[in-house]
């Protein structure tokens, strides 16, 4: 199974995922990260400004595959609950 890396970015801050996760596809990697983002927000609460954060997904060759802004995840969650 391919490995994907989930780097966190906020403005000039870039936190690199050194381990990654095995996922069957890019779609599965995105789903995996959406759940992880929601868990992170739930754990850390509203004390942070999550709107400035994003996850950048790279494949096993470290090529950029997708960007997932936290605001996109938050909007989807609000719609789901609303």
PDB file of N, CA and C in Angstrom:
ATOM      1  N   UNK A   1       0.837  -1.177   0.000  1.00  0.00           N
ATOM      2  CA  UNK A   1       0.000   0.000   0.000  1.00  0.00           C
ATOM      3  C   UNK A   1       0.887   1.247   0.000  1.00  0.00           C
ATOM      4  N   UNK A   2       0.485   2.286  -0.743  1.00  0.00           N
ATOM      5  CA  UNK A   2       1.305   3.494  -0.777  1.00  0.00           C
ATOM      6  C   UNK A   2       1.287   4.252   0.551  1.00  0.00           C
ATOM      7  N   UNK A   3       2.351   4.968   0.794  1.00  0.00           N
ATOM      8  CA  UNK A   3       2.478   5.784   2.010  1.00  0.00           C
ATOM      9  C   UNK A   3       2.248   7.241   1.636  1.00  0.00           C
ATOM     10  N   UNK A   4       1.484   7.927   2.484  1.00  0.00           N
ATOM     11  CA  UNK A   4       1.226   9.356   2.314  1.00  0.00           C
ATOM     12  C   UNK A   4       1.732  10.093   3.544  1.00  0.00           C
ATOM     13  N   UNK A   5       2.187  11.319   3.303  1.00  0.00           N
ATOM     14  CA  UNK A   5       2.710  12.161   4.378  1.00  0.00           C
ATOM     15  C   UNK A   5       1.798  13.374   4.526  1.00  0.00           C
ATOM     16  N   UNK A   6       1.573  13.770   5.769  1.00  0.00           N
ATOM     17  CA  UNK A   6       0.615  14.821   6.085  1.00  0.00           C
ATOM     18  C   UNK A   6       1.336  15.956   6.817  1.00  0.00           C
ATOM     19  N   UNK A   7       1.801  16.922   6.058  1.00  0.00           N
ATOM     20  CA  UNK A   7       2.534  18.042   6.625  1.00  0.00           C
ATOM     21  C   UNK A   7       1.561  19.144   7.031  1.00  0.00           C
ATOM     22  N   UNK A   8       1.807  19.763   8.173  1.00  0.00           N
ATOM     23  CA  UNK A   8       0.977  20.870   8.629  1.00  0.00           C
ATOM     24  C   UNK A   8       1.648  22.178   8.249  1.00  0.00           C
ATOM     25  N   UNK A   9       0.829  23.136   7.809  1.00  0.00           N
ATOM     26  CA  UNK A   9       1.367  24.432   7.418  1.00  0.00           C
ATOM     27  C   UNK A   9       0.480  25.544   7.964  1.00  0.00           C
ATOM     28  N   UNK A  10       1.154  26.568   8.465  1.00  0.00           N
ATOM     29  CA  UNK A  10       0.486  27.800   8.898  1.00  0.00           C
ATOM     30  C   UNK A  10       1.437  28.943   8.573  1.00  0.00           C
ATOM     31  N   UNK A  11       1.066  29.744   7.578  1.00  0.00           N
ATOM     32  CA  UNK A  11       1.917  30.841   7.113  1.00  0.00           C
ATOM     33  C   UNK A  11       3.315  30.290   6.815  1.00  0.00           C
ATOM     34  N   UNK A  12       4.320  30.738   7.555  1.00  0.00           N
ATOM     35  CA  UNK A  12       5.692  30.296   7.301  1.00  0.00           C
ATOM     36  C   UNK A  12       6.096  29.085   8.134  1.00  0.00           C
ATOM     37  N   UNK A  13       5.223  28.636   9.021  1.00  0.00           N
ATOM     38  CA  UNK A  13       5.503  27.461   9.846  1.00  0.00           C
ATOM     39  C   UNK A  13       5.138  26.206   9.056  1.00  0.00           C
ATOM     40  N   UNK A  14       6.063  25.268   8.978  1.00  0.00           N
ATOM     41  CA  UNK A  14       5.851  24.039   8.205  1.00  0.00           C
ATOM     42  C   UNK A  14       6.320  22.863   9.052  1.00  0.00           C
ATOM     43  N   UNK A  15       5.368  22.048   9.515  1.00  0.00           N
ATOM     44  CA  UNK A  15       5.684  20.875  10.328  1.00  0.00           C
ATOM     45  C   UNK A  15       5.641  19.647   9.431  1.00  0.00           C
ATOM     46  N   UNK A  16       6.776  19.004   9.262  1.00  0.00           N
ATOM     47  CA  UNK A  16       6.912  17.888   8.323  1.00  0.00           C
ATOM     48  C   UNK A  16       6.597  16.565   9.004  1.00  0.00           C
ATOM     49  N   UNK A  17       5.750  15.782   8.357  1.00  0.00           N
ATOM     50  CA  UNK A  17       5.417  14.432   8.809  1.00  0.00           C
ATOM     51  C   UNK A  17       6.546  13.509   8.345  1.00  0.00           C
ATOM     52  N   UNK A  18       7.283  12.968   9.281  1.00  0.00           N
ATOM     53  CA  UNK A  18       8.428  12.115   8.938  1.00  0.00           C
ATOM     54  C   UNK A  18       8.057  10.643   8.775  1.00  0.00           C
ATOM     55  N   UNK A  19       6.883  10.248   9.266  1.00  0.00           N
ATOM     56  CA  UNK A  19       6.522   8.833   9.264  1.00  0.00           C
ATOM     57  C   UNK A  19       5.470   8.471   8.221  1.00  0.00           C
ATOM     58  N   UNK A  20       4.469   9.314   8.057  1.00  0.00           N
ATOM     59  CA  UNK A  20       3.412   9.037   7.098  1.00  0.00           C
ATOM     60  C   UNK A  20       2.505   7.900   7.543  1.00  0.00           C
ATOM     61  N   UNK A  21       1.536   7.616   6.694  1.00  0.00           N
ATOM     62  CA  UNK A  21       0.573   6.546   6.933  1.00  0.00           C
ATOM     63  C   UNK A  21       0.309   5.823   5.623  1.00  0.00           C
ATOM     64  N   UNK A  22       0.106   4.536   5.715  1.00  0.00           N
ATOM     65  CA  UNK A  22      -0.261   3.773   4.524  1.00  0.00           C
ATOM     66  C   UNK A  22      -1.758   3.912   4.289  1.00  0.00           C
ATOM     67  N   UNK A  23      -2.119   4.263   3.065  1.00  0.00           N
ATOM     68  CA  UNK A  23      -3.514   4.405   2.664  1.00  0.00           C
ATOM     69  C   UNK A  23      -3.661   3.782   1.280  1.00  0.00           C
ATOM     70  N   UNK A  24      -4.818   3.221   1.019  1.00  0.00           N
ATOM     71  CA  UNK A  24      -5.044   2.538  -0.256  1.00  0.00           C
ATOM     72  C   UNK A  24      -5.057   3.497  -1.441  1.00  0.00           C
ATOM     73  N   UNK A  25      -5.459   4.755  -1.203  1.00  0.00           N
ATOM     74  CA  UNK A  25      -5.572   5.725  -2.294  1.00  0.00           C
ATOM     75  C   UNK A  25      -5.459   7.135  -1.734  1.00  0.00           C
ATOM     76  N   UNK A  26      -5.370   8.106  -2.633  1.00  0.00           N
ATOM     77  CA  UNK A  26      -5.355   9.502  -2.208  1.00  0.00           C
ATOM     78  C   UNK A  26      -6.671   9.853  -1.526  1.00  0.00           C
ATOM     79  N   UNK A  27      -7.776   9.340  -2.041  1.00  0.00           N
ATOM     80  CA  UNK A  27      -9.084   9.587  -1.417  1.00  0.00           C
ATOM     81  C   UNK A  27      -9.127   9.098   0.026  1.00  0.00           C
ATOM     82  N   UNK A  28      -8.584   7.925   0.264  1.00  0.00           N
ATOM     83  CA  UNK A  28      -8.535   7.393   1.624  1.00  0.00           C
ATOM     84  C   UNK A  28      -7.614   8.251   2.499  1.00  0.00           C
ATOM     85  N   UNK A  29      -6.528   8.731   1.936  1.00  0.00           N
ATOM     86  CA  UNK A  29      -5.608   9.589   2.687  1.00  0.00           C
ATOM     87  C   UNK A  29      -6.303  10.887   3.100  1.00  0.00           C
ATOM     88  N   UNK A  30      -7.093  11.464   2.200  1.00  0.00           N
ATOM     89  CA  UNK A  30      -7.827  12.685   2.523  1.00  0.00           C
ATOM     90  C   UNK A  30      -8.847  12.413   3.617  1.00  0.00           C
ATOM     91  N   UNK A  31      -9.598  11.320   3.507  1.00  0.00           N
ATOM     92  CA  UNK A  31     -10.571  10.961   4.542  1.00  0.00           C
ATOM     93  C   UNK A  31      -9.892  10.758   5.892  1.00  0.00           C
ATOM     94  N   UNK A  32      -8.762  10.084   5.886  1.00  0.00           N
ATOM     95  CA  UNK A  32      -7.999   9.833   7.108  1.00  0.00           C
ATOM     96  C   UNK A  32      -7.616  11.151   7.764  1.00  0.00           C
ATOM     97  N   UNK A  33      -7.167  12.098   6.954  1.00  0.00           N
ATOM     98  CA  UNK A  33      -6.711  13.370   7.501  1.00  0.00           C
ATOM     99  C   UNK A  33      -7.875  14.234   7.967  1.00  0.00           C
ATOM    100  N   UNK A  34      -9.024  14.174   7.312  1.00  0.00           N
ATOM    101  CA  UNK A  34     -10.197  14.933   7.771  1.00  0.00           C
ATOM    102  C   UNK A  34     -10.556  14.511   9.191  1.00  0.00           C
ATOM    103  N   UNK A  35     -10.588  13.221   9.432  1.00  0.00           N
ATOM    104  CA  UNK A  35     -10.890  12.719  10.777  1.00  0.00           C
ATOM    105  C   UNK A  35      -9.831  13.179  11.772  1.00  0.00           C
ATOM    106  N   UNK A  36      -8.567  13.129  11.376  1.00  0.00           N
ATOM    107  CA  UNK A  36      -7.479  13.558  12.266  1.00  0.00           C
ATOM    108  C   UNK A  36      -7.588  15.052  12.583  1.00  0.00           C
ATOM    109  N   UNK A  37      -7.937  15.868  11.595  1.00  0.00           N
ATOM    110  CA  UNK A  37      -8.098  17.309  11.824  1.00  0.00           C
ATOM    111  C   UNK A  37      -9.227  17.555  12.812  1.00  0.00           C
ATOM    112  N   UNK A  38     -10.355  16.886  12.632  1.00  0.00           N
ATOM    113  CA  UNK A  38     -11.480  17.053  13.554  1.00  0.00           C
ATOM    114  C   UNK A  38     -11.110  16.623  14.970  1.00  0.00           C
ATOM    115  N   UNK A  39     -10.357  15.543  15.093  1.00  0.00           N
ATOM    116  CA  UNK A  39      -9.909  15.099  16.418  1.00  0.00           C
ATOM    117  C   UNK A  39      -8.970  16.109  17.053  1.00  0.00           C
ATOM    118  N   UNK A  40      -8.061  16.660  16.273  1.00  0.00           N
ATOM    119  CA  UNK A  40      -7.127  17.663  16.776  1.00  0.00           C
ATOM    120  C   UNK A  40      -7.876  18.894  17.277  1.00  0.00           C
ATOM    121  N   UNK A  41      -8.827  19.361  16.497  1.00  0.00           N
ATOM    122  CA  UNK A  41      -9.608  20.529  16.895  1.00  0.00           C
ATOM    123  C   UNK A  41     -10.405  20.232  18.162  1.00  0.00           C
ATOM    124  N   UNK A  42     -10.978  19.042  18.263  1.00  0.00           N
ATOM    125  CA  UNK A  42     -11.742  18.664  19.460  1.00  0.00           C
ATOM    126  C   UNK A  42     -10.841  18.610  20.690  1.00  0.00           C
ATOM    127  N   UNK A  43      -9.635  18.093  20.539  1.00  0.00           N
ATOM    128  CA  UNK A  43      -8.695  17.984  21.662  1.00  0.00           C
ATOM    129  C   UNK A  43      -8.161  19.343  22.099  1.00  0.00           C
ATOM    130  N   UNK A  44      -7.798  20.171  21.146  1.00  0.00           N
ATOM    131  CA  UNK A  44      -7.185  21.467  21.443  1.00  0.00           C
ATOM    132  C   UNK A  44      -8.228  22.550  21.708  1.00  0.00           C
ATOM    133  N   UNK A  45      -9.464  22.288  21.297  1.00  0.00           N
ATOM    134  CA  UNK A  45     -10.542  23.237  21.552  1.00  0.00           C
ATOM    135  C   UNK A  45     -10.476  24.485  20.706  1.00  0.00           C
ATOM    136  N   UNK A  46     -11.220  25.455  21.147  1.00  0.00           N
ATOM    137  CA  UNK A  46     -11.352  26.701  20.387  1.00  0.00           C
ATOM    138  C   UNK A  46     -10.283  27.722  20.729  1.00  0.00           C
ATOM    139  N   UNK A  47      -9.249  27.317  21.427  1.00  0.00           N
ATOM    140  CA  UNK A  47      -8.223  28.250  21.867  1.00  0.00           C
ATOM    141  C   UNK A  47      -7.225  28.602  20.769  1.00  0.00           C
ATOM    142  N   UNK A  48      -7.309  27.963  19.663  1.00  0.00           N
ATOM    143  CA  UNK A  48      -6.394  28.245  18.553  1.00  0.00           C
ATOM    144  C   UNK A  48      -7.194  28.776  17.365  1.00  0.00           C
ATOM    145  N   UNK A  49      -6.507  29.514  16.520  1.00  0.00           N
ATOM    146  CA  UNK A  49      -7.114  30.003  15.288  1.00  0.00           C
ATOM    147  C   UNK A  49      -6.840  28.976  14.191  1.00  0.00           C
ATOM    148  N   UNK A  50      -7.742  28.053  14.030  1.00  0.00           N
ATOM    149  CA  UNK A  50      -7.550  26.950  13.085  1.00  0.00           C
ATOM    150  C   UNK A  50      -7.706  27.379  11.644  1.00  0.00           C
ATOM    151  N   UNK A  51      -8.290  28.546  11.403  1.00  0.00           N
ATOM    152  CA  UNK A  51      -8.560  28.954  10.022  1.00  0.00           C
ATOM    153  C   UNK A  51      -7.295  29.213   9.221  1.00  0.00           C
ATOM    154  N   UNK A  52      -6.174  29.370   9.875  1.00  0.00           N
ATOM    155  CA  UNK A  52      -4.923  29.653   9.169  1.00  0.00           C
ATOM    156  C   UNK A  52      -4.092  28.398   8.893  1.00  0.00           C
ATOM    157  N   UNK A  53      -4.567  27.246   9.325  1.00  0.00           N
ATOM    158  CA  UNK A  53      -3.818  25.995   9.173  1.00  0.00           C
ATOM    159  C   UNK A  53      -4.289  25.202   7.951  1.00  0.00           C
ATOM    160  N   UNK A  54      -3.397  24.380   7.423  1.00  0.00           N
ATOM    161  CA  UNK A  54      -3.733  23.476   6.322  1.00  0.00           C
ATOM    162  C   UNK A  54      -2.862  22.229   6.429  1.00  0.00           C
ATOM    163  N   UNK A  55      -3.362  21.160   5.850  1.00  0.00           N
ATOM    164  CA  UNK A  55      -2.594  19.920   5.723  1.00  0.00           C
ATOM    165  C   UNK A  55      -2.208  19.798   4.261  1.00  0.00           C
ATOM    166  N   UNK A  56      -0.946  19.551   4.014  1.00  0.00           N
ATOM    167  CA  UNK A  56      -0.477  19.305   2.664  1.00  0.00           C
ATOM    168  C   UNK A  56      -0.104  17.835   2.564  1.00  0.00           C
ATOM    169  N   UNK A  57      -0.751  17.145   1.659  1.00  0.00           N
ATOM    170  CA  UNK A  57      -0.568  15.705   1.524  1.00  0.00           C
ATOM    171  C   UNK A  57       0.437  15.430   0.411  1.00  0.00           C
ATOM    172  N   UNK A  58       1.437  14.608   0.750  1.00  0.00           N
ATOM    173  CA  UNK A  58       2.454  14.201  -0.217  1.00  0.00           C
ATOM    174  C   UNK A  58       2.413  12.685  -0.368  1.00  0.00           C
ATOM    175  N   UNK A  59       2.754  12.206  -1.563  1.00  0.00           N
ATOM    176  CA  UNK A  59       2.819  10.760  -1.770  1.00  0.00           C
ATOM    177  C   UNK A  59       4.170  10.225  -1.303  1.00  0.00           C
ATOM    178  N   UNK A  60       4.395   8.941  -1.518  1.00  0.00           N
ATOM    179  CA  UNK A  60       5.620   8.313  -1.010  1.00  0.00           C
ATOM    180  C   UNK A  60       6.893   8.838  -1.679  1.00  0.00           C
ATOM    181  N   UNK A  61       6.741   9.506  -2.820  1.00  0.00           N
ATOM    182  CA  UNK A  61       7.881  10.146  -3.474  1.00  0.00           C
ATOM    183  C   UNK A  61       8.048  11.597  -3.023  1.00  0.00           C
ATOM    184  N   UNK A  62       7.243  11.985  -2.047  1.00  0.00           N
ATOM    185  CA  UNK A  62       7.231  13.341  -1.477  1.00  0.00           C
ATOM    186  C   UNK A  62       6.779  14.386  -2.497  1.00  0.00           C
ATOM    187  N   UNK A  63       5.918  13.957  -3.427  1.00  0.00           N
ATOM    188  CA  UNK A  63       5.310  14.875  -4.383  1.00  0.00           C
ATOM    189  C   UNK A  63       3.984  15.361  -3.821  1.00  0.00           C
ATOM    190  N   UNK A  64       3.724  16.657  -3.953  1.00  0.00           N
ATOM    191  CA  UNK A  64       2.482  17.243  -3.446  1.00  0.00           C
ATOM    192  C   UNK A  64       1.289  16.647  -4.180  1.00  0.00           C
ATOM    193  N   UNK A  65       0.309  16.163  -3.424  1.00  0.00           N
ATOM    194  CA  UNK A  65      -0.877  15.542  -4.026  1.00  0.00           C
ATOM    195  C   UNK A  65      -2.142  16.328  -3.751  1.00  0.00           C
ATOM    196  N   UNK A  66      -2.237  16.980  -2.569  1.00  0.00           N
ATOM    197  CA  UNK A  66      -3.442  17.729  -2.227  1.00  0.00           C
ATOM    198  C   UNK A  66      -3.168  18.648  -1.047  1.00  0.00           C
ATOM    199  N   UNK A  67      -3.965  19.711  -0.962  1.00  0.00           N
ATOM    200  CA  UNK A  67      -3.941  20.601   0.195  1.00  0.00           C
ATOM    201  C   UNK A  67      -5.325  20.567   0.818  1.00  0.00           C
ATOM    202  N   UNK A  68      -5.366  20.533   2.124  1.00  0.00           N
ATOM    203  CA  UNK A  68      -6.632  20.460   2.840  1.00  0.00           C
ATOM    204  C   UNK A  68      -6.652  21.554   3.907  1.00  0.00           C
ATOM    205  N   UNK A  69      -7.207  22.733   3.564  1.00  0.00           N
ATOM    206  CA  UNK A  69      -7.300  23.798   4.564  1.00  0.00           C
ATOM    207  C   UNK A  69      -8.249  23.392   5.693  1.00  0.00           C
ATOM    208  N   UNK A  70      -7.880  23.698   6.912  1.00  0.00           N
ATOM    209  CA  UNK A  70      -8.736  23.373   8.051  1.00  0.00           C
ATOM    210  C   UNK A  70     -10.113  24.028   7.891  1.00  0.00           C
ATOM    211  N   UNK A  71     -10.170  25.220   7.264  1.00  0.00           N
ATOM    212  CA  UNK A  71     -11.458  25.898   7.097  1.00  0.00           C
ATOM    213  C   UNK A  71     -12.426  25.046   6.280  1.00  0.00           C
ATOM    214  N   UNK A  72     -11.914  24.312   5.317  1.00  0.00           N
ATOM    215  CA  UNK A  72     -12.757  23.431   4.514  1.00  0.00           C
ATOM    216  C   UNK A  72     -13.347  22.327   5.383  1.00  0.00           C
ATOM    217  N   UNK A  73     -12.537  21.759   6.258  1.00  0.00           N
ATOM    218  CA  UNK A  73     -13.005  20.707   7.164  1.00  0.00           C
ATOM    219  C   UNK A  73     -14.032  21.275   8.137  1.00  0.00           C
ATOM    220  N   UNK A  74     -13.753  22.454   8.678  1.00  0.00           N
ATOM    221  CA  UNK A  74     -14.673  23.077   9.631  1.00  0.00           C
ATOM    222  C   UNK A  74     -16.015  23.398   8.996  1.00  0.00           C
ATOM    223  N   UNK A  75     -16.018  23.922   7.778  1.00  0.00           N
ATOM    224  CA  UNK A  75     -17.276  24.222   7.082  1.00  0.00           C
ATOM    225  C   UNK A  75     -18.086  22.962   6.833  1.00  0.00           C
ATOM    226  N   UNK A  76     -17.415  21.900   6.425  1.00  0.00           N
ATOM    227  CA  UNK A  76     -18.102  20.628   6.185  1.00  0.00           C
ATOM    228  C   UNK A  76     -18.708  20.088   7.469  1.00  0.00           C
ATOM    229  N   UNK A  77     -18.011  20.220   8.576  1.00  0.00           N
ATOM    230  CA  UNK A  77     -18.509  19.734   9.866  1.00  0.00           C
ATOM    231  C   UNK A  77     -19.705  20.559  10.322  1.00  0.00           C
ATOM    232  N   UNK A  78     -19.662  21.864  10.134  1.00  0.00           N
ATOM    233  CA  UNK A  78     -20.799  22.725  10.517  1.00  0.00           C
ATOM    234  C   UNK A  78     -22.026  22.377   9.700  1.00  0.00           C
ATOM    235  N   UNK A  79     -21.857  22.149   8.410  1.00  0.00           N
ATOM    236  CA  UNK A  79     -22.984  21.754   7.545  1.00  0.00           C
ATOM    237  C   UNK A  79     -23.560  20.411   7.972  1.00  0.00           C
ATOM    238  N   UNK A  80     -22.674  19.493   8.327  1.00  0.00           N
ATOM    239  CA  UNK A  80     -23.118  18.164   8.733  1.00  0.00           C
ATOM    240  C   UNK A  80     -23.954  18.234  10.015  1.00  0.00           C
ATOM    241  N   UNK A  81     -23.535  19.070  10.960  1.00  0.00           N
ATOM    242  CA  UNK A  81     -24.244  19.198  12.226  1.00  0.00           C
ATOM    243  C   UNK A  81     -25.496  20.066  12.106  1.00  0.00           C
ATOM    244  N   UNK A  82     -25.473  20.999  11.144  1.00  0.00           N
ATOM    245  CA  UNK A  82     -26.571  21.969  10.990  1.00  0.00           C
ATOM    246  C   UNK A  82     -27.758  21.355  10.382  1.00  0.00           C
TER     247      UNK A  82
END
